[in-house]
Structures are given as structure tokens and as C-alpha cells.
């Protein structure tokens, strides 16, 4: 990842990102929390580019207009 790509991703995180904790149920029935960074954008192309640059993460769709990249 070059400096331009780093800056581009940082800008997307600052402008459209959310850092949150996701509640997960464990096999033993208790709950734990996992940190998640979520970027919401209407452009699938942008989110696919982020995934390509980072080499990980997932893209999901909340509705027809909102797409979410999460890692």
C-alpha cells in the first residue's frame, strides 16, 4: 500500500467510517464484544477497492442504496 492509498483510506474512514463494538454470542452461551470498523458508502466500486488494497474485510448490503465494508 503506497502513501496515496493510505491517505485515501484514512480519509474515507474519517468521513464515512464508524468504530463500534459488535456483541457476539459465544459457544458457551455467554457474550463477548468484538471491535469493528465500518465504512458506509453507496459506491460498490469504492468499497471493493478498499477490500482489494487491504486484502481483507467484507462487503454487505443494508438496502439498495447503502453498502457497508467491514473489518
PDB file of N, CA and C in Angstrom:
ATOM      1  N   UNK A   1       0.844  -1.160   0.000  1.00  0.00           N
ATOM      2  CA  UNK A   1       0.000   0.000   0.000  1.00  0.00           C
ATOM      3  C   UNK A   1       0.900   1.238   0.000  1.00  0.00           C
ATOM      4  N   UNK A   2       0.690   2.111  -0.974  1.00  0.00           N
ATOM      5  CA  UNK A   2       1.517   3.319  -1.032  1.00  0.00           C
ATOM      6  C   UNK A   2       0.899   4.438  -0.185  1.00  0.00           C
ATOM      7  N   UNK A   3       1.587   5.553  -0.075  1.00  0.00           N
ATOM      8  CA  UNK A   3       1.151   6.669   0.768  1.00  0.00           C
ATOM      9  C   UNK A   3      -0.180   7.257   0.297  1.00  0.00           C
ATOM     10  N   UNK A   4      -0.397   7.330  -1.015  1.00  0.00           N
ATOM     11  CA  UNK A   4      -1.660   7.856  -1.535  1.00  0.00           C
ATOM     12  C   UNK A   4      -2.819   6.970  -1.093  1.00  0.00           C
ATOM     13  N   UNK A   5      -2.663   5.645  -1.226  1.00  0.00           N
ATOM     14  CA  UNK A   5      -3.728   4.724  -0.828  1.00  0.00           C
ATOM     15  C   UNK A   5      -4.005   4.804   0.669  1.00  0.00           C
ATOM     16  N   UNK A   6      -2.960   4.923   1.473  1.00  0.00           N
ATOM     17  CA  UNK A   6      -3.140   5.082   2.923  1.00  0.00           C
ATOM     18  C   UNK A   6      -3.963   6.327   3.228  1.00  0.00           C
ATOM     19  N   UNK A   7      -3.587   7.436   2.611  1.00  0.00           N
ATOM     20  CA  UNK A   7      -4.304   8.693   2.842  1.00  0.00           C
ATOM     21  C   UNK A   7      -5.744   8.620   2.377  1.00  0.00           C
ATOM     22  N   UNK A   8      -5.981   7.962   1.243  1.00  0.00           N
ATOM     23  CA  UNK A   8      -7.326   7.822   0.693  1.00  0.00           C
ATOM     24  C   UNK A   8      -8.210   7.017   1.642  1.00  0.00           C
ATOM     25  N   UNK A   9      -7.688   5.897   2.139  1.00  0.00           N
ATOM     26  CA  UNK A   9      -8.458   5.065   3.065  1.00  0.00           C
ATOM     27  C   UNK A   9      -8.689   5.788   4.386  1.00  0.00           C
ATOM     28  N   UNK A  10      -7.684   6.468   4.902  1.00  0.00           N
ATOM     29  CA  UNK A  10      -7.845   7.234   6.142  1.00  0.00           C
ATOM     30  C   UNK A  10      -8.932   8.292   5.971  1.00  0.00           C
ATOM     31  N   UNK A  11      -8.946   8.966   4.834  1.00  0.00           N
ATOM     32  CA  UNK A  11      -9.980   9.972   4.565  1.00  0.00           C
ATOM     33  C   UNK A  11     -11.370   9.367   4.539  1.00  0.00           C
ATOM     34  N   UNK A  12     -11.515   8.188   3.937  1.00  0.00           N
ATOM     35  CA  UNK A  12     -12.824   7.513   3.920  1.00  0.00           C
ATOM     36  C   UNK A  12     -13.252   7.115   5.328  1.00  0.00           C
ATOM     37  N   UNK A  13     -12.305   6.632   6.116  1.00  0.00           N
ATOM     38  CA  UNK A  13     -12.633   6.258   7.495  1.00  0.00           C
ATOM     39  C   UNK A  13     -13.078   7.486   8.285  1.00  0.00           C
ATOM     40  N   UNK A  14     -12.352   8.586   8.150  1.00  0.00           N
ATOM     41  CA  UNK A  14     -12.708   9.810   8.872  1.00  0.00           C
ATOM     42  C   UNK A  14     -14.060  10.357   8.424  1.00  0.00           C
ATOM     43  N   UNK A  15     -14.336  10.299   7.125  1.00  0.00           N
ATOM     44  CA  UNK A  15     -15.570  10.883   6.606  1.00  0.00           C
ATOM     45  C   UNK A  15     -16.787   9.985   6.684  1.00  0.00           C
ATOM     46  N   UNK A  16     -16.591   8.679   6.497  1.00  0.00           N
ATOM     47  CA  UNK A  16     -17.732   7.779   6.388  1.00  0.00           C
ATOM     48  C   UNK A  16     -17.604   6.543   7.270  1.00  0.00           C
ATOM     49  N   UNK A  17     -16.644   6.550   8.169  1.00  0.00           N
ATOM     50  CA  UNK A  17     -16.384   5.371   8.991  1.00  0.00           C
ATOM     51  C   UNK A  17     -16.978   5.454  10.380  1.00  0.00           C
ATOM     52  N   UNK A  18     -17.167   4.273  10.968  1.00  0.00           N
ATOM     53  CA  UNK A  18     -17.659   4.137  12.331  1.00  0.00           C
ATOM     54  C   UNK A  18     -16.867   3.040  13.015  1.00  0.00           C
ATOM     55  N   UNK A  19     -16.373   3.317  14.206  1.00  0.00           N
ATOM     56  CA  UNK A  19     -15.723   2.303  15.023  1.00  0.00           C
ATOM     57  C   UNK A  19     -16.731   1.890  16.086  1.00  0.00           C
ATOM     58  N   UNK A  20     -17.013   0.610  16.168  1.00  0.00           N
ATOM     59  CA  UNK A  20     -18.053   0.131  17.075  1.00  0.00           C
ATOM     60  C   UNK A  20     -17.648  -1.188  17.712  1.00  0.00           C
ATOM     61  N   UNK A  21     -18.432  -1.644  18.653  1.00  0.00           N
ATOM     62  CA  UNK A  21     -18.262  -2.964  19.243  1.00  0.00           C
ATOM     63  C   UNK A  21     -19.467  -3.804  18.866  1.00  0.00           C
ATOM     64  N   UNK A  22     -19.215  -4.996  18.352  1.00  0.00           N
ATOM     65  CA  UNK A  22     -20.298  -5.915  17.990  1.00  0.00           C
ATOM     66  C   UNK A  22     -20.427  -6.970  19.083  1.00  0.00           C
ATOM     67  N   UNK A  23     -21.639  -7.182  19.510  1.00  0.00           N
ATOM     68  CA  UNK A  23     -21.909  -8.188  20.533  1.00  0.00           C
ATOM     69  C   UNK A  23     -22.035  -9.558  19.859  1.00  0.00           C
ATOM     70  N   UNK A  24     -21.280 -10.526  20.351  1.00  0.00           N
ATOM     71  CA  UNK A  24     -21.277 -11.872  19.784  1.00  0.00           C
ATOM     72  C   UNK A  24     -21.579 -12.898  20.874  1.00  0.00           C
ATOM     73  N   UNK A  25     -22.433 -13.850  20.550  1.00  0.00           N
ATOM     74  CA  UNK A  25     -22.723 -14.925  21.489  1.00  0.00           C
ATOM     75  C   UNK A  25     -21.689 -16.031  21.304  1.00  0.00           C
ATOM     76  N   UNK A  26     -21.080 -16.430  22.396  1.00  0.00           N
ATOM     77  CA  UNK A  26     -20.073 -17.493  22.376  1.00  0.00           C
ATOM     78  C   UNK A  26     -20.736 -18.862  22.446  1.00  0.00           C
ATOM     79  N   UNK A  27     -19.963 -19.890  22.173  1.00  0.00           N
ATOM     80  CA  UNK A  27     -20.486 -21.262  22.200  1.00  0.00           C
ATOM     81  C   UNK A  27     -21.005 -21.655  23.578  1.00  0.00           C
ATOM     82  N   UNK A  28     -20.399 -21.090  24.635  1.00  0.00           N
ATOM     83  CA  UNK A  28     -20.824 -21.437  25.997  1.00  0.00           C
ATOM     84  C   UNK A  28     -22.051 -20.641  26.455  1.00  0.00           C
ATOM     85  N   UNK A  29     -22.624 -19.813  25.572  1.00  0.00           N
ATOM     86  CA  UNK A  29     -23.831 -19.062  25.896  1.00  0.00           C
ATOM     87  C   UNK A  29     -23.582 -17.664  26.437  1.00  0.00           C
ATOM     88  N   UNK A  30     -22.337 -17.349  26.792  1.00  0.00           N
ATOM     89  CA  UNK A  30     -22.026 -16.007  27.263  1.00  0.00           C
ATOM     90  C   UNK A  30     -21.807 -15.087  26.060  1.00  0.00           C
ATOM     91  N   UNK A  31     -21.699 -13.808  26.339  1.00  0.00           N
ATOM     92  CA  UNK A  31     -21.500 -12.830  25.271  1.00  0.00           C
ATOM     93  C   UNK A  31     -20.129 -12.177  25.383  1.00  0.00           C
ATOM     94  N   UNK A  32     -19.582 -11.847  24.240  1.00  0.00           N
ATOM     95  CA  UNK A  32     -18.330 -11.117  24.175  1.00  0.00           C
ATOM     96  C   UNK A  32     -18.472  -9.997  23.158  1.00  0.00           C
ATOM     97  N   UNK A  33     -17.499  -9.135  23.100  1.00  0.00           N
ATOM     98  CA  UNK A  33     -17.544  -7.993  22.193  1.00  0.00           C
ATOM     99  C   UNK A  33     -16.332  -7.987  21.275  1.00  0.00           C
ATOM    100  N   UNK A  34     -16.572  -7.680  20.017  1.00  0.00           N
ATOM    101  CA  UNK A  34     -15.524  -7.637  19.013  1.00  0.00           C
ATOM    102  C   UNK A  34     -15.519  -6.252  18.383  1.00  0.00           C
ATOM    103  N   UNK A  35     -14.352  -5.591  18.301  1.00  0.00           N
ATOM    104  CA  UNK A  35     -14.321  -4.289  17.634  1.00  0.00           C
ATOM    105  C   UNK A  35     -14.551  -4.444  16.129  1.00  0.00           C
ATOM    106  N   UNK A  36     -15.197  -3.452  15.531  1.00  0.00           N
ATOM    107  CA  UNK A  36     -15.446  -3.467  14.094  1.00  0.00           C
ATOM    108  C   UNK A  36     -15.326  -2.051  13.547  1.00  0.00           C
ATOM    109  N   UNK A  37     -14.669  -1.933  12.426  1.00  0.00           N
ATOM    110  CA  UNK A  37     -14.590  -0.665  11.706  1.00  0.00           C
ATOM    111  C   UNK A  37     -15.479  -0.799  10.487  1.00  0.00           C
ATOM    112  N   UNK A  38     -16.442   0.099  10.345  1.00  0.00           N
ATOM    113  CA  UNK A  38     -17.433   0.017   9.278  1.00  0.00           C
ATOM    114  C   UNK A  38     -17.356   1.286   8.435  1.00  0.00           C
ATOM    115  N   UNK A  39     -17.297   1.133   7.122  1.00  0.00           N
ATOM    116  CA  UNK A  39     -17.349   2.253   6.187  1.00  0.00           C
ATOM    117  C   UNK A  39     -18.614   2.083   5.351  1.00  0.00           C
ATOM    118  N   UNK A  40     -19.496   3.077   5.391  1.00  0.00           N
ATOM    119  CA  UNK A  40     -20.736   3.029   4.631  1.00  0.00           C
ATOM    120  C   UNK A  40     -20.608   3.934   3.418  1.00  0.00           C
ATOM    121  N   UNK A  41     -20.986   3.415   2.250  1.00  0.00           N
ATOM    122  CA  UNK A  41     -20.885   4.183   1.015  1.00  0.00           C
ATOM    123  C   UNK A  41     -21.870   3.613   0.012  1.00  0.00           C
ATOM    124  N   UNK A  42     -22.341   4.422  -0.912  1.00  0.00           N
ATOM    125  CA  UNK A  42     -23.263   3.937  -1.939  1.00  0.00           C
ATOM    126  C   UNK A  42     -22.530   3.335  -3.132  1.00  0.00           C
ATOM    127  N   UNK A  43     -21.219   3.524  -3.219  1.00  0.00           N
ATOM    128  CA  UNK A  43     -20.444   3.028  -4.351  1.00  0.00           C
ATOM    129  C   UNK A  43     -19.798   1.683  -4.038  1.00  0.00           C
ATOM    130  N   UNK A  44     -20.292   0.655  -4.686  1.00  0.00           N
ATOM    131  CA  UNK A  44     -19.698  -0.673  -4.504  1.00  0.00           C
ATOM    132  C   UNK A  44     -18.255  -0.686  -4.996  1.00  0.00           C
ATOM    133  N   UNK A  45     -17.959   0.059  -6.057  1.00  0.00           N
ATOM    134  CA  UNK A  45     -16.609   0.114  -6.623  1.00  0.00           C
ATOM    135  C   UNK A  45     -15.601   0.609  -5.588  1.00  0.00           C
ATOM    136  N   UNK A  46     -15.957   1.651  -4.848  1.00  0.00           N
ATOM    137  CA  UNK A  46     -15.062   2.193  -3.817  1.00  0.00           C
ATOM    138  C   UNK A  46     -14.808   1.157  -2.736  1.00  0.00           C
ATOM    139  N   UNK A  47     -15.866   0.504  -2.271  1.00  0.00           N
ATOM    140  CA  UNK A  47     -15.706  -0.489  -1.213  1.00  0.00           C
ATOM    141  C   UNK A  47     -14.889  -1.693  -1.678  1.00  0.00           C
ATOM    142  N   UNK A  48     -15.078  -2.103  -2.926  1.00  0.00           N
ATOM    143  CA  UNK A  48     -14.272  -3.203  -3.470  1.00  0.00           C
ATOM    144  C   UNK A  48     -12.803  -2.807  -3.579  1.00  0.00           C
ATOM    145  N   UNK A  49     -12.532  -1.547  -3.903  1.00  0.00           N
ATOM    146  CA  UNK A  49     -11.151  -1.063  -3.984  1.00  0.00           C
ATOM    147  C   UNK A  49     -10.497  -1.095  -2.597  1.00  0.00           C
ATOM    148  N   UNK A  50     -11.229  -0.688  -1.568  1.00  0.00           N
ATOM    149  CA  UNK A  50     -10.700  -0.742  -0.200  1.00  0.00           C
ATOM    150  C   UNK A  50     -10.348  -2.182   0.162  1.00  0.00           C
ATOM    151  N   UNK A  51     -11.255  -3.101  -0.127  1.00  0.00           N
ATOM    152  CA  UNK A  51     -11.013  -4.518   0.180  1.00  0.00           C
ATOM    153  C   UNK A  51      -9.798  -5.039  -0.580  1.00  0.00           C
ATOM    154  N   UNK A  52      -9.664  -4.628  -1.831  1.00  0.00           N
ATOM    155  CA  UNK A  52      -8.519  -5.046  -2.649  1.00  0.00           C
ATOM    156  C   UNK A  52      -7.205  -4.522  -2.062  1.00  0.00           C
ATOM    157  N   UNK A  53      -7.172  -3.266  -1.667  1.00  0.00           N
ATOM    158  CA  UNK A  53      -5.955  -2.660  -1.117  1.00  0.00           C
ATOM    159  C   UNK A  53      -5.580  -3.324   0.207  1.00  0.00           C
ATOM    160  N   UNK A  54      -6.565  -3.505   1.107  1.00  0.00           N
ATOM    161  CA  UNK A  54      -6.281  -4.056   2.422  1.00  0.00           C
ATOM    162  C   UNK A  54      -6.067  -5.568   2.392  1.00  0.00           C
ATOM    163  N   UNK A  55      -6.737  -6.250   1.489  1.00  0.00           N
ATOM    164  CA  UNK A  55      -6.602  -7.699   1.410  1.00  0.00           C
ATOM    165  C   UNK A  55      -7.481  -8.452   2.385  1.00  0.00           C
ATOM    166  N   UNK A  56      -8.415  -7.774   3.028  1.00  0.00           N
ATOM    167  CA  UNK A  56      -9.346  -8.430   3.954  1.00  0.00           C
ATOM    168  C   UNK A  56     -10.581  -7.565   4.124  1.00  0.00           C
ATOM    169  N   UNK A  57     -11.565  -8.090   4.840  1.00  0.00           N
ATOM    170  CA  UNK A  57     -12.809  -7.373   5.080  1.00  0.00           C
ATOM    171  C   UNK A  57     -13.953  -7.998   4.308  1.00  0.00           C
ATOM    172  N   UNK A  58     -15.137  -7.464   4.504  1.00  0.00           N
ATOM    173  CA  UNK A  58     -16.303  -7.968   3.802  1.00  0.00           C
ATOM    174  C   UNK A  58     -17.205  -6.808   3.398  1.00  0.00           C
ATOM    175  N   UNK A  59     -18.005  -7.039   2.368  1.00  0.00           N
ATOM    176  CA  UNK A  59     -18.948  -6.037   1.881  1.00  0.00           C
ATOM    177  C   UNK A  59     -20.339  -6.624   2.014  1.00  0.00           C
ATOM    178  N   UNK A  60     -21.238  -5.872   2.627  1.00  0.00           N
ATOM    179  CA  UNK A  60     -22.621  -6.314   2.750  1.00  0.00           C
ATOM    180  C   UNK A  60     -23.536  -5.179   2.306  1.00  0.00           C
ATOM    181  N   UNK A  61     -24.793  -5.516   2.099  1.00  0.00           N
ATOM    182  CA  UNK A  61     -25.761  -4.546   1.608  1.00  0.00           C
ATOM    183  C   UNK A  61     -26.899  -4.419   2.606  1.00  0.00           C
ATOM    184  N   UNK A  62     -27.132  -3.186   3.089  1.00  0.00           N
ATOM    185  CA  UNK A  62     -28.245  -2.941   4.010  1.00  0.00           C
ATOM    186  C   UNK A  62     -29.550  -2.730   3.260  1.00  0.00           C
ATOM    187  N   UNK A  63     -29.489  -2.070   2.131  1.00  0.00           N
ATOM    188  CA  UNK A  63     -30.637  -1.887   1.245  1.00  0.00           C
ATOM    189  C   UNK A  63     -30.102  -1.546  -0.135  1.00  0.00           C
ATOM    190  N   UNK A  64     -30.936  -1.099  -1.040  1.00  0.00           N
ATOM    191  CA  UNK A  64     -30.499  -0.857  -2.415  1.00  0.00           C
ATOM    192  C   UNK A  64     -29.437   0.234  -2.527  1.00  0.00           C
ATOM    193  N   UNK A  65     -29.425   1.195  -1.604  1.00  0.00           N
ATOM    194  CA  UNK A  65     -28.521   2.335  -1.749  1.00  0.00           C
ATOM    195  C   UNK A  65     -27.342   2.309  -0.794  1.00  0.00           C
ATOM    196  N   UNK A  66     -27.404   1.589   0.302  1.00  0.00           N
ATOM    197  CA  UNK A  66     -26.315   1.590   1.269  1.00  0.00           C
ATOM    198  C   UNK A  66     -25.537   0.288   1.204  1.00  0.00           C
ATOM    199  N   UNK A  67     -24.256   0.419   1.043  1.00  0.00           N
ATOM    200  CA  UNK A  67     -23.355  -0.730   1.059  1.00  0.00           C
ATOM    201  C   UNK A  67     -22.357  -0.514   2.192  1.00  0.00           C
ATOM    202  N   UNK A  68     -21.942  -1.580   2.825  1.00  0.00           N
ATOM    203  CA  UNK A  68     -21.096  -1.492   4.014  1.00  0.00           C
ATOM    204  C   UNK A  68     -19.861  -2.352   3.835  1.00  0.00           C
ATOM    205  N   UNK A  69     -18.686  -1.776   4.099  1.00  0.00           N
ATOM    206  CA  UNK A  69     -17.435  -2.523   4.162  1.00  0.00           C
ATOM    207  C   UNK A  69     -17.090  -2.655   5.629  1.00  0.00           C
ATOM    208  N   UNK A  70     -16.760  -3.855   6.056  1.00  0.00           N
ATOM    209  CA  UNK A  70     -16.475  -4.078   7.468  1.00  0.00           C
ATOM    210  C   UNK A  70     -15.242  -4.936   7.638  1.00  0.00           C
ATOM    211  N   UNK A  71     -14.438  -4.557   8.627  1.00  0.00           N
ATOM    212  CA  UNK A  71     -13.319  -5.401   9.048  1.00  0.00           C
ATOM    213  C   UNK A  71     -13.074  -5.204  10.502  1.00  0.00           C
TER     214      UNK A  71
END
